[in-house]
């Protein structure tokens, strides 16, 4: 099971039970504990502690969308295929090796790089995607968790790209 979490920048609100700005940190701690109990559970979060999700009207066919939502859609359409994350450097890179599948690890690597770059370029602020369990822990696993298989004709990808250009 995969959960994609986009938590806004939480400000303290005692009525809502939010007493500090550490909601994302607390969420990561709880998620780590839950993932140990349920080893097939994977989570990807849109922004790290102290950050907020960036958005734009230009994303999402002109209807407005967060960078996280936009790049999740693009990644699952196939753009994440071939991406990997180096936990030592904290950087993602695109490989020439592509298998026409998008795994959890590839989606995380793609989101980590694309959202970080987009947020700095278009909003002048950092946005760091996180995952639980950490990708470094997942690399020890014997198999990747494949999320989608990309069709050979890429018709979904071509359709999506043509819709973006006609809006």
Foldseek 3Di string as FASTA:
>chain_A
DEEEAADFQDPDDVVVPRHHRCPQVVVQVVLQVVCVVVVVYKYKYWFHGPDGFAKDCLADLSNIDTLLVRLLVVVQLPPLFQKAADPVVRAIDGDPDGDQWHFPRSSQRSSQHRRQVCCCVPPVDGGGMAMPPHVVVVVPDPDTHTDDGHDPVSVVVVVVVVSSVVD
